[in-house]
Amino acid sequence: MDYHLKWFILLCGITFSGAIIRLLLRKKISARNSVAWMLSVAVILILSANPGWFDRLARLLGVSYPPSLLFLFSTLVLLVIVLYQSMQISVLNEKLRQLAQHVALLDKERDIPRSGESNGKDN
């Protein structure tokens, strides 16, 4: 691997790590998600520093063109992340529905005057 390419990949990894840490500090990303992203950055940096490891892994798995294995791994990681995010969205949608129903019930209780009480409006 070319010397300049290794430095470029290293710079990209450090920049991406910095962006993740910045998002975490600004509370734009959860700690759980940032750990997953930082692990993927670490794997990319380790494989870029040792490209022979990836070539050996590809040969071990019977892949004749190692970059195709990289794309397969990348696609699988992204699919797992999308699945996890979809699960989080589903849970949040359910919580939002329950909260909206609770607020609607509270509003309905507030609008119905109780026996002997007025609702604060002049008749």
PDB file of N, CA and C in Angstrom:
ATOM      1  N   MET A   1       0.855  -1.169   0.000  1.00  0.00           N
ATOM      2  CA  MET A   1       0.000   0.000   0.000  1.00  0.00           C
ATOM      3  C   MET A   1       0.904   1.235   0.000  1.00  0.00           C
ATOM      4  N   ASP A   2       0.487   2.205  -0.755  1.00  0.00           N
ATOM      5  CA  ASP A   2       1.247   3.441  -0.887  1.00  0.00           C
ATOM      6  C   ASP A   2       1.312   4.190   0.445  1.00  0.00           C
ATOM      7  N   TYR A   3       2.440   4.800   0.702  1.00  0.00           N
ATOM      8  CA  TYR A   3       2.686   5.552   1.927  1.00  0.00           C
ATOM      9  C   TYR A   3       1.663   6.683   2.081  1.00  0.00           C
ATOM     10  N   HIS A   4       1.370   7.393   0.991  1.00  0.00           N
ATOM     11  CA  HIS A   4       0.428   8.507   1.036  1.00  0.00           C
ATOM     12  C   HIS A   4      -0.986   8.018   1.331  1.00  0.00           C
ATOM     13  N   LEU A   5      -1.333   6.865   0.787  1.00  0.00           N
ATOM     14  CA  LEU A   5      -2.665   6.314   1.034  1.00  0.00           C
ATOM     15  C   LEU A   5      -2.832   5.941   2.508  1.00  0.00           C
ATOM     16  N   LYS A   6      -1.806   5.370   3.121  1.00  0.00           N
ATOM     17  CA  LYS A   6      -1.876   5.035   4.546  1.00  0.00           C
ATOM     18  C   LYS A   6      -2.096   6.292   5.383  1.00  0.00           C
ATOM     19  N   TRP A   7      -1.368   7.361   5.066  1.00  0.00           N
ATOM     20  CA  TRP A   7      -1.544   8.604   5.806  1.00  0.00           C
ATOM     21  C   TRP A   7      -2.933   9.198   5.581  1.00  0.00           C
ATOM     22  N   PHE A   8      -3.445   9.094   4.371  1.00  0.00           N
ATOM     23  CA  PHE A   8      -4.780   9.600   4.078  1.00  0.00           C
ATOM     24  C   PHE A   8      -5.839   8.830   4.880  1.00  0.00           C
ATOM     25  N   ILE A   9      -5.718   7.504   4.903  1.00  0.00           N
ATOM     26  CA  ILE A   9      -6.672   6.691   5.662  1.00  0.00           C
ATOM     27  C   ILE A   9      -6.566   7.011   7.150  1.00  0.00           C
ATOM     28  N   LEU A  10      -5.358   7.183   7.642  1.00  0.00           N
ATOM     29  CA  LEU A  10      -5.162   7.549   9.043  1.00  0.00           C
ATOM     30  C   LEU A  10      -5.807   8.902   9.344  1.00  0.00           C
ATOM     31  N   LEU A  11      -5.610   9.873   8.473  1.00  0.00           N
ATOM     32  CA  LEU A  11      -6.211  11.191   8.650  1.00  0.00           C
ATOM     33  C   LEU A  11      -7.740  11.104   8.639  1.00  0.00           C
ATOM     34  N   CYS A  12      -8.288  10.305   7.726  1.00  0.00           N
ATOM     35  CA  CYS A  12      -9.746  10.124   7.671  1.00  0.00           C
ATOM     36  C   CYS A  12     -10.263   9.494   8.962  1.00  0.00           C
ATOM     37  N   GLY A  13      -9.553   8.499   9.465  1.00  0.00           N
ATOM     38  CA  GLY A  13      -9.967   7.849  10.707  1.00  0.00           C
ATOM     39  C   GLY A  13      -9.933   8.784  11.892  1.00  0.00           C
ATOM     40  N   ILE A  14      -8.879   9.579  11.990  1.00  0.00           N
ATOM     41  CA  ILE A  14      -8.774  10.539  13.093  1.00  0.00           C
ATOM     42  C   ILE A  14      -9.854  11.608  12.983  1.00  0.00           C
ATOM     43  N   THR A  15     -10.105  12.079  11.764  1.00  0.00           N
ATOM     44  CA  THR A  15     -11.151  13.089  11.552  1.00  0.00           C
ATOM     45  C   THR A  15     -12.519  12.527  11.921  1.00  0.00           C
ATOM     46  N   PHE A  16     -12.791  11.302  11.496  1.00  0.00           N
ATOM     47  CA  PHE A  16     -14.077  10.678  11.800  1.00  0.00           C
ATOM     48  C   PHE A  16     -14.227  10.453  13.304  1.00  0.00           C
ATOM     49  N   SER A  17     -13.152  10.033  13.956  1.00  0.00           N
ATOM     50  CA  SER A  17     -13.184   9.852  15.418  1.00  0.00           C
ATOM     51  C   SER A  17     -13.473  11.180  16.112  1.00  0.00           C
ATOM     52  N   GLY A  18     -12.827  12.227  15.647  1.00  0.00           N
ATOM     53  CA  GLY A  18     -13.083  13.551  16.218  1.00  0.00           C
ATOM     54  C   GLY A  18     -14.521  13.985  16.026  1.00  0.00           C
ATOM     55  N   ALA A  19     -15.084  13.702  14.869  1.00  0.00           N
ATOM     56  CA  ALA A  19     -16.486  14.064  14.606  1.00  0.00           C
ATOM     57  C   ALA A  19     -17.425  13.289  15.532  1.00  0.00           C
ATOM     58  N   ILE A  20     -17.135  12.021  15.764  1.00  0.00           N
ATOM     59  CA  ILE A  20     -17.970  11.214  16.660  1.00  0.00           C
ATOM     60  C   ILE A  20     -17.890  11.758  18.085  1.00  0.00           C
ATOM     61  N   ILE A  21     -16.688  12.074  18.541  1.00  0.00           N
ATOM     62  CA  ILE A  21     -16.519  12.610  19.898  1.00  0.00           C
ATOM     63  C   ILE A  21     -17.233  13.955  20.027  1.00  0.00           C
ATOM     64  N   ARG A  22     -17.142  14.784  18.994  1.00  0.00           N
ATOM     65  CA  ARG A  22     -17.817  16.084  19.021  1.00  0.00           C
ATOM     66  C   ARG A  22     -19.338  15.912  19.098  1.00  0.00           C
ATOM     67  N   LEU A  23     -19.886  14.977  18.304  1.00  0.00           N
ATOM     68  CA  LEU A  23     -21.326  14.714  18.356  1.00  0.00           C
ATOM     69  C   LEU A  23     -21.736  14.185  19.727  1.00  0.00           C
ATOM     70  N   LEU A  24     -20.896  13.349  20.315  1.00  0.00           N
ATOM     71  CA  LEU A  24     -21.185  12.803  21.637  1.00  0.00           C
ATOM     72  C   LEU A  24     -21.194  13.908  22.692  1.00  0.00           C
ATOM     73  N   LEU A  25     -20.234  14.800  22.632  1.00  0.00           N
ATOM     74  CA  LEU A  25     -20.173  15.885  23.600  1.00  0.00           C
ATOM     75  C   LEU A  25     -21.335  16.863  23.458  1.00  0.00           C
ATOM     76  N   ARG A  26     -21.828  17.034  22.243  1.00  0.00           N
ATOM     77  CA  ARG A  26     -22.969  17.932  22.007  1.00  0.00           C
ATOM     78  C   ARG A  26     -24.300  17.225  22.179  1.00  0.00           C
ATOM     79  N   LYS A  27     -24.248  15.966  22.609  1.00  0.00           N
ATOM     80  CA  LYS A  27     -25.445  15.151  22.858  1.00  0.00           C
ATOM     81  C   LYS A  27     -26.279  14.956  21.591  1.00  0.00           C
ATOM     82  N   LYS A  28     -25.604  14.869  20.449  1.00  0.00           N
ATOM     83  CA  LYS A  28     -26.285  14.620  19.181  1.00  0.00           C
ATOM     84  C   LYS A  28     -26.308  13.133  18.840  1.00  0.00           C
ATOM     85  N   ILE A  29     -25.525  12.347  19.582  1.00  0.00           N
ATOM     86  CA  ILE A  29     -25.453  10.906  19.371  1.00  0.00           C
ATOM     87  C   ILE A  29     -25.332  10.256  20.746  1.00  0.00           C
ATOM     88  N   SER A  30     -25.958   9.105  20.908  1.00  0.00           N
ATOM     89  CA  SER A  30     -25.906   8.444  22.215  1.00  0.00           C
ATOM     90  C   SER A  30     -24.557   7.754  22.410  1.00  0.00           C
ATOM     91  N   ALA A  31     -24.234   7.506  23.648  1.00  0.00           N
ATOM     92  CA  ALA A  31     -22.962   6.841  23.969  1.00  0.00           C
ATOM     93  C   ALA A  31     -22.926   5.441  23.371  1.00  0.00           C
ATOM     94  N   ARG A  32     -24.051   4.753  23.385  1.00  0.00           N
ATOM     95  CA  ARG A  32     -24.126   3.400  22.826  1.00  0.00           C
ATOM     96  C   ARG A  32     -23.805   3.417  21.327  1.00  0.00           C
ATOM     97  N   ASN A  33     -24.380   4.378  20.609  1.00  0.00           N
ATOM     98  CA  ASN A  33     -24.110   4.474  19.172  1.00  0.00           C
ATOM     99  C   ASN A  33     -22.669   4.902  18.905  1.00  0.00           C
ATOM    100  N   SER A  34     -22.140   5.778  19.732  1.00  0.00           N
ATOM    101  CA  SER A  34     -20.777   6.243  19.503  1.00  0.00           C
ATOM    102  C   SER A  34     -19.768   5.115  19.705  1.00  0.00           C
ATOM    103  N   VAL A  35     -20.054   4.195  20.611  1.00  0.00           N
ATOM    104  CA  VAL A  35     -19.154   3.052  20.812  1.00  0.00           C
ATOM    105  C   VAL A  35     -19.103   2.204  19.539  1.00  0.00           C
ATOM    106  N   ALA A  36     -20.257   1.960  18.945  1.00  0.00           N
ATOM    107  CA  ALA A  36     -20.294   1.169  17.713  1.00  0.00           C
ATOM    108  C   ALA A  36     -19.508   1.853  16.598  1.00  0.00           C
ATOM    109  N   TRP A  37     -19.681   3.158  16.463  1.00  0.00           N
ATOM    110  CA  TRP A  37     -18.954   3.887  15.425  1.00  0.00           C
ATOM    111  C   TRP A  37     -17.457   3.897  15.695  1.00  0.00           C
ATOM    112  N   MET A  38     -17.076   4.068  16.950  1.00  0.00           N
ATOM    113  CA  MET A  38     -15.641   4.090  17.279  1.00  0.00           C
ATOM    114  C   MET A  38     -15.000   2.719  17.046  1.00  0.00           C
ATOM    115  N   LEU A  39     -15.741   1.650  17.309  1.00  0.00           N
ATOM    116  CA  LEU A  39     -15.218   0.309  17.017  1.00  0.00           C
ATOM    117  C   LEU A  39     -14.993   0.121  15.520  1.00  0.00           C
ATOM    118  N   SER A  40     -15.927   0.618  14.724  1.00  0.00           N
ATOM    119  CA  SER A  40     -15.752   0.483  13.278  1.00  0.00           C
ATOM    120  C   SER A  40     -14.568   1.324  12.793  1.00  0.00           C
ATOM    121  N   VAL A  41     -14.352   2.483  13.381  1.00  0.00           N
ATOM    122  CA  VAL A  41     -13.186   3.295  13.031  1.00  0.00           C
ATOM    123  C   VAL A  41     -11.905   2.551  13.397  1.00  0.00           C
ATOM    124  N   ALA A  42     -11.897   1.929  14.567  1.00  0.00           N
ATOM    125  CA  ALA A  42     -10.710   1.182  15.002  1.00  0.00           C
ATOM    126  C   ALA A  42     -10.405   0.033  14.048  1.00  0.00           C
ATOM    127  N   VAL A  43     -11.433  -0.686  13.621  1.00  0.00           N
ATOM    128  CA  VAL A  43     -11.218  -1.789  12.682  1.00  0.00           C
ATOM    129  C   VAL A  43     -10.663  -1.276  11.361  1.00  0.00           C
ATOM    130  N   ILE A  44     -11.200  -0.178  10.881  1.00  0.00           N
ATOM    131  CA  ILE A  44     -10.714   0.396   9.620  1.00  0.00           C
ATOM    132  C   ILE A  44      -9.256   0.813   9.750  1.00  0.00           C
ATOM    133  N   LEU A  45      -8.919   1.451  10.869  1.00  0.00           N
ATOM    134  CA  LEU A  45      -7.536   1.894  11.060  1.00  0.00           C
ATOM    135  C   LEU A  45      -6.582   0.707  11.193  1.00  0.00           C
ATOM    136  N   ILE A  46      -6.993  -0.334  11.888  1.00  0.00           N
ATOM    137  CA  ILE A  46      -6.141  -1.521  12.040  1.00  0.00           C
ATOM    138  C   ILE A  46      -5.931  -2.208  10.699  1.00  0.00           C
ATOM    139  N   LEU A  47      -7.009  -2.359   9.931  1.00  0.00           N
ATOM    140  CA  LEU A  47      -6.875  -3.010   8.625  1.00  0.00           C
ATOM    141  C   LEU A  47      -6.089  -2.154   7.642  1.00  0.00           C
ATOM    142  N   SER A  48      -6.211  -0.840   7.745  1.00  0.00           N
ATOM    143  CA  SER A  48      -5.444   0.012   6.830  1.00  0.00           C
ATOM    144  C   SER A  48      -3.963  -0.009   7.187  1.00  0.00           C
ATOM    145  N   ALA A  49      -3.666  -0.172   8.462  1.00  0.00           N
ATOM    146  CA  ALA A  49      -2.265  -0.244   8.874  1.00  0.00           C
ATOM    147  C   ALA A  49      -1.642  -1.592   8.519  1.00  0.00           C
ATOM    148  N   ASN A  50      -2.471  -2.618   8.423  1.00  0.00           N
ATOM    149  CA  ASN A  50      -1.996  -3.973   8.119  1.00  0.00           C
ATOM    150  C   ASN A  50      -2.818  -4.581   6.986  1.00  0.00           C
ATOM    151  N   PRO A  51      -2.662  -4.117   5.763  1.00  0.00           N
ATOM    152  CA  PRO A  51      -3.485  -4.619   4.658  1.00  0.00           C
ATOM    153  C   PRO A  51      -3.267  -6.106   4.379  1.00  0.00           C
ATOM    154  N   GLY A  52      -2.129  -6.637   4.761  1.00  0.00           N
ATOM    155  CA  GLY A  52      -1.875  -8.056   4.553  1.00  0.00           C
ATOM    156  C   GLY A  52      -2.831  -8.935   5.335  1.00  0.00           C
ATOM    157  N   TRP A  53      -3.259  -8.464   6.502  1.00  0.00           N
ATOM    158  CA  TRP A  53      -4.210  -9.228   7.307  1.00  0.00           C
ATOM    159  C   TRP A  53      -5.510  -9.443   6.554  1.00  0.00           C
ATOM    160  N   PHE A  54      -5.975  -8.386   5.895  1.00  0.00           N
ATOM    161  CA  PHE A  54      -7.234  -8.483   5.159  1.00  0.00           C
ATOM    162  C   PHE A  54      -7.089  -9.405   3.954  1.00  0.00           C
ATOM    163  N   ASP A  55      -5.939  -9.330   3.283  1.00  0.00           N
ATOM    164  CA  ASP A  55      -5.697 -10.226   2.146  1.00  0.00           C
ATOM    165  C   ASP A  55      -5.685 -11.676   2.604  1.00  0.00           C
ATOM    166  N   ARG A  56      -5.058 -11.956   3.749  1.00  0.00           N
ATOM    167  CA  ARG A  56      -5.037 -13.324   4.283  1.00  0.00           C
ATOM    168  C   ARG A  56      -6.433 -13.787   4.674  1.00  0.00           C
ATOM    169  N   LEU A  57      -7.219 -12.908   5.253  1.00  0.00           N
ATOM    170  CA  LEU A  57      -8.597 -13.246   5.616  1.00  0.00           C
ATOM    171  C   LEU A  57      -9.413 -13.567   4.366  1.00  0.00           C
ATOM    172  N   ALA A  58      -9.224 -12.778   3.317  1.00  0.00           N
ATOM    173  CA  ALA A  58      -9.942 -13.038   2.061  1.00  0.00           C
ATOM    174  C   ALA A  58      -9.547 -14.400   1.492  1.00  0.00           C
ATOM    175  N   ARG A  59      -8.247 -14.708   1.486  1.00  0.00           N
ATOM    176  CA  ARG A  59      -7.809 -16.030   0.998  1.00  0.00           C
ATOM    177  C   ARG A  59      -8.374 -17.152   1.849  1.00  0.00           C
ATOM    178  N   LEU A  60      -8.408 -16.937   3.170  1.00  0.00           N
ATOM    179  CA  LEU A  60      -8.937 -17.947   4.087  1.00  0.00           C
ATOM    180  C   LEU A  60     -10.410 -18.222   3.813  1.00  0.00           C
ATOM    181  N   LEU A  61     -11.155 -17.182   3.475  1.00  0.00           N
ATOM    182  CA  LEU A  61     -12.581 -17.330   3.180  1.00  0.00           C
ATOM    183  C   LEU A  61     -12.858 -17.717   1.732  1.00  0.00           C
ATOM    184  N   GLY A  62     -11.810 -17.804   0.928  1.00  0.00           N
ATOM    185  CA  GLY A  62     -11.973 -18.210  -0.461  1.00  0.00           C
ATOM    186  C   GLY A  62     -12.405 -17.095  -1.390  1.00  0.00           C
ATOM    187  N   VAL A  63     -12.142 -15.858  -1.010  1.00  0.00           N
ATOM    188  CA  VAL A  63     -12.507 -14.709  -1.844  1.00  0.00           C
ATOM    189  C   VAL A  63     -11.295 -14.360  -2.696  1.00  0.00           C
ATOM    190  N   SER A  64     -11.496 -14.344  -4.009  1.00  0.00           N
ATOM    191  CA  SER A  64     -10.365 -14.105  -4.896  1.00  0.00           C
ATOM    192  C   SER A  64     -10.019 -12.625  -5.040  1.00  0.00           C
ATOM    193  N   TYR A  65     -10.965 -11.754  -4.799  1.00  0.00           N
ATOM    194  CA  TYR A  65     -10.729 -10.313  -4.934  1.00  0.00           C
ATOM    195  C   TYR A  65     -11.013  -9.655  -3.577  1.00  0.00           C
ATOM    196  N   PRO A  66      -9.997  -9.393  -2.749  1.00  0.00           N
ATOM    197  CA  PRO A  66     -10.196  -8.898  -1.385  1.00  0.00           C
ATOM    198  C   PRO A  66     -11.073  -7.638  -1.248  1.00  0.00           C
ATOM    199  N   PRO A  67     -11.019  -6.670  -2.176  1.00  0.00           N
ATOM    200  CA  PRO A  67     -11.910  -5.509  -2.002  1.00  0.00           C
ATOM    201  C   PRO A  67     -13.396  -5.877  -2.001  1.00  0.00           C
ATOM    202  N   SER A  68     -13.762  -6.950  -2.685  1.00  0.00           N
ATOM    203  CA  SER A  68     -15.174  -7.350  -2.652  1.00  0.00           C
ATOM    204  C   SER A  68     -15.573  -7.812  -1.255  1.00  0.00           C
ATOM    205  N   LEU A  69     -14.649  -8.435  -0.540  1.00  0.00           N
ATOM    206  CA  LEU A  69     -14.918  -8.823   0.849  1.00  0.00           C
ATOM    207  C   LEU A  69     -15.077  -7.579   1.719  1.00  0.00           C
ATOM    208  N   LEU A  70     -14.282  -6.570   1.450  1.00  0.00           N
ATOM    209  CA  LEU A  70     -14.407  -5.308   2.192  1.00  0.00           C
ATOM    210  C   LEU A  70     -15.783  -4.688   1.976  1.00  0.00           C
ATOM    211  N   PHE A  71     -16.253  -4.689   0.732  1.00  0.00           N
ATOM    212  CA  PHE A  71     -17.587  -4.148   0.453  1.00  0.00           C
ATOM    213  C   PHE A  71     -18.673  -4.994   1.110  1.00  0.00           C
ATOM    214  N   LEU A  72     -18.494  -6.302   1.140  1.00  0.00           N
ATOM    215  CA  LEU A  72     -19.461  -7.164   1.811  1.00  0.00           C
ATOM    216  C   LEU A  72     -19.524  -6.835   3.298  1.00  0.00           C
ATOM    217  N   PHE A  73     -18.369  -6.746   3.951  1.00  0.00           N
ATOM    218  CA  PHE A  73     -18.338  -6.400   5.372  1.00  0.00           C
ATOM    219  C   PHE A  73     -18.951  -5.028   5.616  1.00  0.00           C
ATOM    220  N   SER A  74     -18.620  -4.068   4.776  1.00  0.00           N
ATOM    221  CA  SER A  74     -19.164  -2.710   4.932  1.00  0.00           C
ATOM    222  C   SER A  74     -20.687  -2.720   4.813  1.00  0.00           C
ATOM    223  N   THR A  75     -21.190  -3.450   3.830  1.00  0.00           N
ATOM    224  CA  THR A  75     -22.633  -3.535   3.634  1.00  0.00           C
ATOM    225  C   THR A  75     -23.306  -4.204   4.827  1.00  0.00           C
ATOM    226  N   LEU A  76     -22.714  -5.270   5.335  1.00  0.00           N
ATOM    227  CA  LEU A  76     -23.294  -5.957   6.489  1.00  0.00           C
ATOM    228  C   LEU A  76     -23.306  -5.071   7.728  1.00  0.00           C
ATOM    229  N   VAL A  77     -22.230  -4.332   7.951  1.00  0.00           N
ATOM    230  CA  VAL A  77     -22.186  -3.417   9.095  1.00  0.00           C
ATOM    231  C   VAL A  77     -23.259  -2.346   8.959  1.00  0.00           C
ATOM    232  N   LEU A  78     -23.397  -1.780   7.776  1.00  0.00           N
ATOM    233  CA  LEU A  78     -24.421  -0.754   7.572  1.00  0.00           C
ATOM    234  C   LEU A  78     -25.830  -1.314   7.734  1.00  0.00           C
ATOM    235  N   LEU A  79     -26.052  -2.551   7.285  1.00  0.00           N
ATOM    236  CA  LEU A  79     -27.366  -3.177   7.472  1.00  0.00           C
ATOM    237  C   LEU A  79     -27.677  -3.389   8.954  1.00  0.00           C
ATOM    238  N   VAL A  80     -26.691  -3.795   9.720  1.00  0.00           N
ATOM    239  CA  VAL A  80     -26.896  -3.973  11.159  1.00  0.00           C
ATOM    240  C   VAL A  80     -27.214  -2.634  11.820  1.00  0.00           C
ATOM    241  N   ILE A  81     -26.510  -1.592  11.420  1.00  0.00           N
ATOM    242  CA  ILE A  81     -26.766  -0.264  11.986  1.00  0.00           C
ATOM    243  C   ILE A  81     -28.169   0.213  11.624  1.00  0.00           C
ATOM    244  N   VAL A  82     -28.577   0.004  10.381  1.00  0.00           N
ATOM    245  CA  VAL A  82     -29.917   0.415   9.952  1.00  0.00           C
ATOM    246  C   VAL A  82     -30.987  -0.384  10.704  1.00  0.00           C
ATOM    247  N   LEU A  83     -30.764  -1.673  10.889  1.00  0.00           N
ATOM    248  CA  LEU A  83     -31.713  -2.489  11.639  1.00  0.00           C
ATOM    249  C   LEU A  83     -31.833  -1.998  13.080  1.00  0.00           C
ATOM    250  N   TYR A  84     -30.713  -1.709  13.706  1.00  0.00           N
ATOM    251  CA  TYR A  84     -30.724  -1.215  15.078  1.00  0.00           C
ATOM    252  C   TYR A  84     -31.458   0.128  15.161  1.00  0.00           C
ATOM    253  N   GLN A  85     -31.190   1.022  14.224  1.00  0.00           N
ATOM    254  CA  GLN A  85     -31.862   2.321  14.216  1.00  0.00           C
ATOM    255  C   GLN A  85     -33.370   2.148  13.990  1.00  0.00           C
ATOM    256  N   SER A  86     -33.754   1.203  13.136  1.00  0.00           N
ATOM    257  CA  SER A  86     -35.175   0.934  12.901  1.00  0.00           C
ATOM    258  C   SER A  86     -35.849   0.438  14.176  1.00  0.00           C
ATOM    259  N   MET A  87     -35.149  -0.406  14.919  1.00  0.00           N
ATOM    260  CA  MET A  87     -35.704  -0.887  16.187  1.00  0.00           C
ATOM    261  C   MET A  87     -35.886   0.273  17.160  1.00  0.00           C
ATOM    262  N   GLN A  88     -34.908   1.167  17.225  1.00  0.00           N
ATOM    263  CA  GLN A  88     -35.029   2.324  18.107  1.00  0.00           C
ATOM    264  C   GLN A  88     -36.189   3.223  17.690  1.00  0.00           C
ATOM    265  N   ILE A  89     -36.357   3.425  16.394  1.00  0.00           N
ATOM    266  CA  ILE A  89     -37.458   4.258  15.894  1.00  0.00           C
ATOM    267  C   ILE A  89     -38.801   3.632  16.247  1.00  0.00           C
ATOM    268  N   SER A  90     -38.916   2.321  16.125  1.00  0.00           N
ATOM    269  CA  SER A  90     -40.169   1.645  16.467  1.00  0.00           C
ATOM    270  C   SER A  90     -40.508   1.811  17.940  1.00  0.00           C
ATOM    271  N   VAL A  91     -39.533   1.645  18.805  1.00  0.00           N
ATOM    272  CA  VAL A  91     -39.764   1.818  20.246  1.00  0.00           C
ATOM    273  C   VAL A  91     -40.178   3.257  20.542  1.00  0.00           C
ATOM    274  N   LEU A  92     -39.494   4.215  19.931  1.00  0.00           N
ATOM    275  CA  LEU A  92     -39.826   5.618  20.171  1.00  0.00           C
ATOM    276  C   LEU A  92     -41.204   5.977  19.631  1.00  0.00           C
ATOM    277  N   ASN A  93     -41.590   5.404  18.491  1.00  0.00           N
ATOM    278  CA  ASN A  93     -42.935   5.649  17.945  1.00  0.00           C
ATOM    279  C   ASN A  93     -44.006   5.123  18.895  1.00  0.00           C
ATOM    280  N   GLU A  94     -43.778   3.955  19.479  1.00  0.00           N
ATOM    281  CA  GLU A  94     -44.735   3.395  20.429  1.00  0.00           C
ATOM    282  C   GLU A  94     -44.836   4.280  21.675  1.00  0.00           C
ATOM    283  N   LYS A  95     -43.700   4.743  22.183  1.00  0.00           N
ATOM    284  CA  LYS A  95     -43.709   5.631  23.340  1.00  0.00           C
ATOM    285  C   LYS A  95     -44.419   6.946  23.016  1.00  0.00           C
ATOM    286  N   LEU A  96     -44.201   7.462  21.808  1.00  0.00           N
ATOM    287  CA  LEU A  96     -44.855   8.701  21.393  1.00  0.00           C
ATOM    288  C   LEU A  96     -46.369   8.519  21.304  1.00  0.00           C
ATOM    289  N   ARG A  97     -46.813   7.378  20.775  1.00  0.00           N
ATOM    290  CA  ARG A  97     -48.248   7.098  20.689  1.00  0.00           C
ATOM    291  C   ARG A  97     -48.859   7.048  22.090  1.00  0.00           C
ATOM    292  N   GLN A  98     -48.190   6.350  23.012  1.00  0.00           N
ATOM    293  CA  GLN A  98     -48.696   6.255  24.382  1.00  0.00           C
ATOM    294  C   GLN A  98     -48.724   7.626  25.050  1.00  0.00           C
ATOM    295  N   LEU A  99     -47.711   8.418  24.823  1.00  0.00           N
ATOM    296  CA  LEU A  99     -47.672   9.759  25.402  1.00  0.00           C
ATOM    297  C   LEU A  99     -48.784  10.634  24.841  1.00  0.00           C
ATOM    298  N   ALA A 100     -49.037  10.554  23.544  1.00  0.00           N
ATOM    299  CA  ALA A 100     -50.108  11.343  22.929  1.00  0.00           C
ATOM    300  C   ALA A 100     -51.469  10.925  23.492  1.00  0.00           C
ATOM    301  N   GLN A 101     -51.664   9.629  23.704  1.00  0.00           N
ATOM    302  CA  GLN A 101     -52.922   9.164  24.287  1.00  0.00           C
ATOM    303  C   GLN A 101     -53.067   9.660  25.727  1.00  0.00           C
ATOM    304  N   HIS A 102     -51.981   9.627  26.473  1.00  0.00           N
ATOM    305  CA  HIS A 102     -52.008  10.094  27.863  1.00  0.00           C
ATOM    306  C   HIS A 102     -52.338  11.584  27.922  1.00  0.00           C
ATOM    307  N   VAL A 103     -51.725  12.365  27.074  1.00  0.00           N
ATOM    308  CA  VAL A 103     -51.997  13.809  27.040  1.00  0.00           C
ATOM    309  C   VAL A 103     -53.443  14.058  26.630  1.00  0.00           C
ATOM    310  N   ALA A 104     -53.945  13.296  25.677  1.00  0.00           N
ATOM    311  CA  ALA A 104     -55.338  13.466  25.251  1.00  0.00           C
ATOM    312  C   ALA A 104     -56.299  13.160  26.399  1.00  0.00           C
ATOM    313  N   LEU A 105     -56.002  12.110  27.173  1.00  0.00           N
ATOM    314  CA  LEU A 105     -56.850  11.790  28.323  1.00  0.00           C
ATOM    315  C   LEU A 105     -56.783  12.886  29.383  1.00  0.00           C
ATOM    316  N   LEU A 106     -55.597  13.426  29.634  1.00  0.00           N
ATOM    317  CA  LEU A 106     -55.466  14.522  30.601  1.00  0.00           C
ATOM    318  C   LEU A 106     -56.228  15.758  30.137  1.00  0.00           C
ATOM    319  N   ASP A 107     -56.155  16.067  28.850  1.00  0.00           N
ATOM    320  CA  ASP A 107     -56.899  17.215  28.312  1.00  0.00           C
ATOM    321  C   ASP A 107     -58.392  16.995  28.447  1.00  0.00           C
ATOM    322  N   LYS A 108     -58.846  15.781  28.211  1.00  0.00           N
ATOM    323  CA  LYS A 108     -60.271  15.479  28.312  1.00  0.00           C
ATOM    324  C   LYS A 108     -60.731  15.610  29.762  1.00  0.00           C
ATOM    325  N   GLU A 109     -59.929  15.131  30.716  1.00  0.00           N
ATOM    326  CA  GLU A 109     -60.276  15.259  32.135  1.00  0.00           C
ATOM    327  C   GLU A 109     -60.341  16.723  32.550  1.00  0.00           C
ATOM    328  N   ARG A 110     -59.458  17.520  32.047  1.00  0.00           N
ATOM    329  CA  ARG A 110     -59.408  18.935  32.420  1.00  0.00           C
ATOM    330  C   ARG A 110     -60.596  19.701  31.858  1.00  0.00           C
ATOM    331  N   ASP A 111     -61.091  19.328  30.711  1.00  0.00           N
ATOM    332  CA  ASP A 111     -62.198  20.035  30.072  1.00  0.00           C
ATOM    333  C   ASP A 111     -63.550  19.686  30.682  1.00  0.00           C
ATOM    334  N   ILE A 112     -63.687  18.529  31.327  1.00  0.00           N
ATOM    335  CA  ILE A 112     -64.962  18.120  31.921  1.00  0.00           C
ATOM    336  C   ILE A 112     -65.000  18.623  33.357  1.00  0.00           C
ATOM    337  N   PRO A 113     -65.940  19.528  33.675  1.00  0.00           N
ATOM    338  CA  PRO A 113     -66.011  20.019  35.052  1.00  0.00           C
ATOM    339  C   PRO A 113     -66.510  18.919  35.984  1.00  0.00           C
ATOM    340  N   ARG A 114     -65.951  18.874  37.181  1.00  0.00           N
ATOM    341  CA  ARG A 114     -66.382  17.899  38.179  1.00  0.00           C
ATOM    342  C   ARG A 114     -67.623  18.441  38.872  1.00  0.00           C
ATOM    343  N   SER A 115     -68.322  17.577  39.551  1.00  0.00           N
ATOM    344  CA  SER A 115     -69.561  17.996  40.213  1.00  0.00           C
ATOM    345  C   SER A 115     -69.270  19.079  41.245  1.00  0.00           C
ATOM    346  N   GLY A 116     -69.996  20.182  41.141  1.00  0.00           N
ATOM    347  CA  GLY A 116     -69.844  21.269  42.092  1.00  0.00           C
ATOM    348  C   GLY A 116     -68.684  22.200  41.779  1.00  0.00           C
ATOM    349  N   GLU A 117     -67.906  21.942  40.760  1.00  0.00           N
ATOM    350  CA  GLU A 117     -66.779  22.811  40.417  1.00  0.00           C
ATOM    351  C   GLU A 117     -67.043  23.479  39.078  1.00  0.00           C
ATOM    352  N   SER A 118     -66.526  24.649  38.943  1.00  0.00           N
ATOM    353  CA  SER A 118     -66.611  25.297  37.641  1.00  0.00           C
ATOM    354  C   SER A 118     -65.289  25.122  36.953  1.00  0.00           C
ATOM    355  N   ASN A 119     -65.284  25.247  35.647  1.00  0.00           N
ATOM    356  CA  ASN A 119     -64.054  25.047  34.897  1.00  0.00           C
ATOM    357  C   ASN A 119     -63.275  26.352  34.700  1.00  0.00           C
ATOM    358  N   GLY A 120     -63.636  27.371  35.424  1.00  0.00           N
ATOM    359  CA  GLY A 120     -62.895  28.627  35.353  1.00  0.00           C
ATOM    360  C   GLY A 120     -63.455  29.590  34.323  1.00  0.00           C
ATOM    361  N   LYS A 121     -64.486  29.192  33.613  1.00  0.00           N
ATOM    362  CA  LYS A 121     -65.079  30.065  32.600  1.00  0.00           C
ATOM    363  C   LYS A 121     -66.322  30.718  33.187  1.00  0.00           C
ATOM    364  N   ASP A 122     -66.553  31.945  32.819  1.00  0.00           N
ATOM    365  CA  ASP A 122     -67.790  32.629  33.266  1.00  0.00           C
ATOM    366  C   ASP A 122     -68.903  32.221  32.348  1.00  0.00           C
ATOM    367  N   ASN A 123     -70.081  31.916  32.956  1.00  0.00           N
ATOM    368  CA  ASN A 123     -71.250  31.501  32.168  1.00  0.00           C
ATOM    369  C   ASN A 123     -72.098  32.659  31.801  1.00  0.00           C
TER     370      ASN A 123
END
